[in-house]
């Protein structure tokens, strides 16, 4: 069984979304939240991703994570605008 990070990296978005949804209920780890937000973005659920992203951007001290998150948000917004699937998807950690 591949790890949840590998699922996200291998574009198994729905599977990773289910796992991260459960993990974030009992886990405050920033990387888990980041990957959950990324999974949501990949599924086109930007409103849900934004609440997690906003929390991370306000509270995280990890500048690398925040920069990756900003990049993923930009990609997700651009992707939604262009309605292209499979290109420039937000990246996992």
Protein backbone atom coordinates (compact mmCIF):
# COMPACT_ATOMS: atom_id res chain seq x y z
CA UNK A 1 0.00 0.00 0.00
CA UNK A 2 1.62 3.27 -1.07
CA UNK A 3 1.96 6.04 1.48
CA UNK A 4 -0.42 8.99 1.32
CA UNK A 5 2.38 11.25 0.03
CA UNK A 6 3.05 8.86 -2.85
CA UNK A 7 -0.65 8.80 -3.70
CA UNK A 8 -0.67 12.56 -4.06
CA UNK A 9 2.58 12.63 -6.05
CA UNK A 10 1.27 9.92 -8.36
CA UNK A 11 -1.92 11.87 -9.10
CA UNK A 12 -4.12 9.54 -7.05
CA UNK A 13 -5.93 12.67 -5.94
CA UNK A 14 -9.24 11.17 -4.83
CA UNK A 15 -7.52 8.54 -2.70
CA UNK A 16 -5.17 11.07 -1.13
CA UNK A 17 -8.06 13.47 -0.56
CA UNK A 18 -9.91 10.83 1.47
CA UNK A 19 -6.82 10.02 3.53
CA UNK A 20 -5.86 13.64 4.21
CA UNK A 21 -9.45 14.49 5.09
CA UNK A 22 -9.29 11.90 7.86
CA UNK A 23 -5.74 12.78 8.96
CA UNK A 24 -6.49 16.47 9.40
CA UNK A 25 -9.32 15.74 11.83
CA UNK A 26 -6.81 14.62 14.46
CA UNK A 27 -3.52 16.00 13.18
CA UNK A 28 -2.22 19.59 13.16
CA UNK A 29 0.93 18.77 11.20
CA UNK A 30 1.54 21.52 8.65
CA UNK A 31 2.66 19.12 5.92
CA UNK A 32 -0.53 17.10 6.33
CA UNK A 33 -2.59 20.29 6.07
CA UNK A 34 -0.53 21.42 3.08
CA UNK A 35 -1.08 18.12 1.26
CA UNK A 36 -4.78 18.14 2.11
CA UNK A 37 -5.10 21.64 0.67
CA UNK A 38 -3.14 20.51 -2.41
CA UNK A 39 -5.46 17.51 -2.84
CA UNK A 40 -8.46 19.82 -2.64
CA UNK A 41 -6.92 22.17 -5.21
CA UNK A 42 -6.28 19.30 -7.59
CA UNK A 43 -9.92 18.31 -7.31
CA UNK A 44 -10.99 21.87 -8.09
CA UNK A 45 -12.28 22.50 -4.55
CA UNK A 46 -10.64 25.89 -4.16
CA UNK A 47 -13.02 27.27 -1.52
CA UNK A 48 -12.27 24.37 0.81
CA UNK A 49 -8.55 24.59 0.06
CA UNK A 50 -8.50 28.33 0.73
CA UNK A 51 -9.56 28.01 4.37
CA UNK A 52 -6.69 25.60 5.04
CA UNK A 53 -4.26 27.65 2.96
CA UNK A 54 -5.20 30.88 4.72
CA UNK A 55 -4.60 29.25 8.11
CA UNK A 56 -1.19 27.95 7.02
CA UNK A 57 -0.14 31.25 5.48
CA UNK A 58 -1.07 33.13 8.66
CA UNK A 59 0.33 30.70 11.21
CA UNK A 60 3.17 28.69 9.68
CA UNK A 61 6.76 29.73 10.28
CA UNK A 62 7.94 27.41 7.47
CA UNK A 63 8.67 29.83 4.63
CA UNK A 64 9.46 27.03 2.16
CA UNK A 65 6.09 25.41 2.79
CA UNK A 66 4.34 28.78 2.47
CA UNK A 67 6.09 29.49 -0.83
CA UNK A 68 5.07 26.08 -2.19
CA UNK A 69 1.53 26.76 -1.02
CA UNK A 70 1.46 30.15 -2.77
CA UNK A 71 2.74 28.50 -5.94
CA UNK A 72 0.10 25.75 -5.73
CA UNK A 73 -2.66 28.31 -5.19
CA UNK A 74 -1.54 30.26 -8.22
CA UNK A 75 -1.43 27.10 -10.34
CA UNK A 76 -4.87 26.02 -9.12
CA UNK A 77 -6.44 29.40 -9.84
CA UNK A 78 -4.86 29.56 -13.29
CA UNK A 79 -5.91 25.99 -14.01
CA UNK A 80 -9.47 26.73 -12.99
CA UNK A 81 -9.49 29.81 -15.24
CA UNK A 82 -8.19 27.86 -18.21
CA UNK A 83 -10.26 24.74 -17.47
CA UNK A 84 -7.36 22.54 -18.48
CA UNK A 85 -6.95 19.21 -16.77
CA UNK A 86 -3.65 17.51 -16.19
CA UNK A 87 -1.37 20.48 -16.84
CA UNK A 88 0.48 22.40 -14.16
CA UNK A 89 -1.29 20.71 -11.27
CA UNK A 90 -0.34 21.83 -7.76
CA UNK A 91 2.60 19.82 -6.42
CA UNK A 92 2.85 17.74 -3.25
CA UNK A 93 5.63 18.16 -0.69
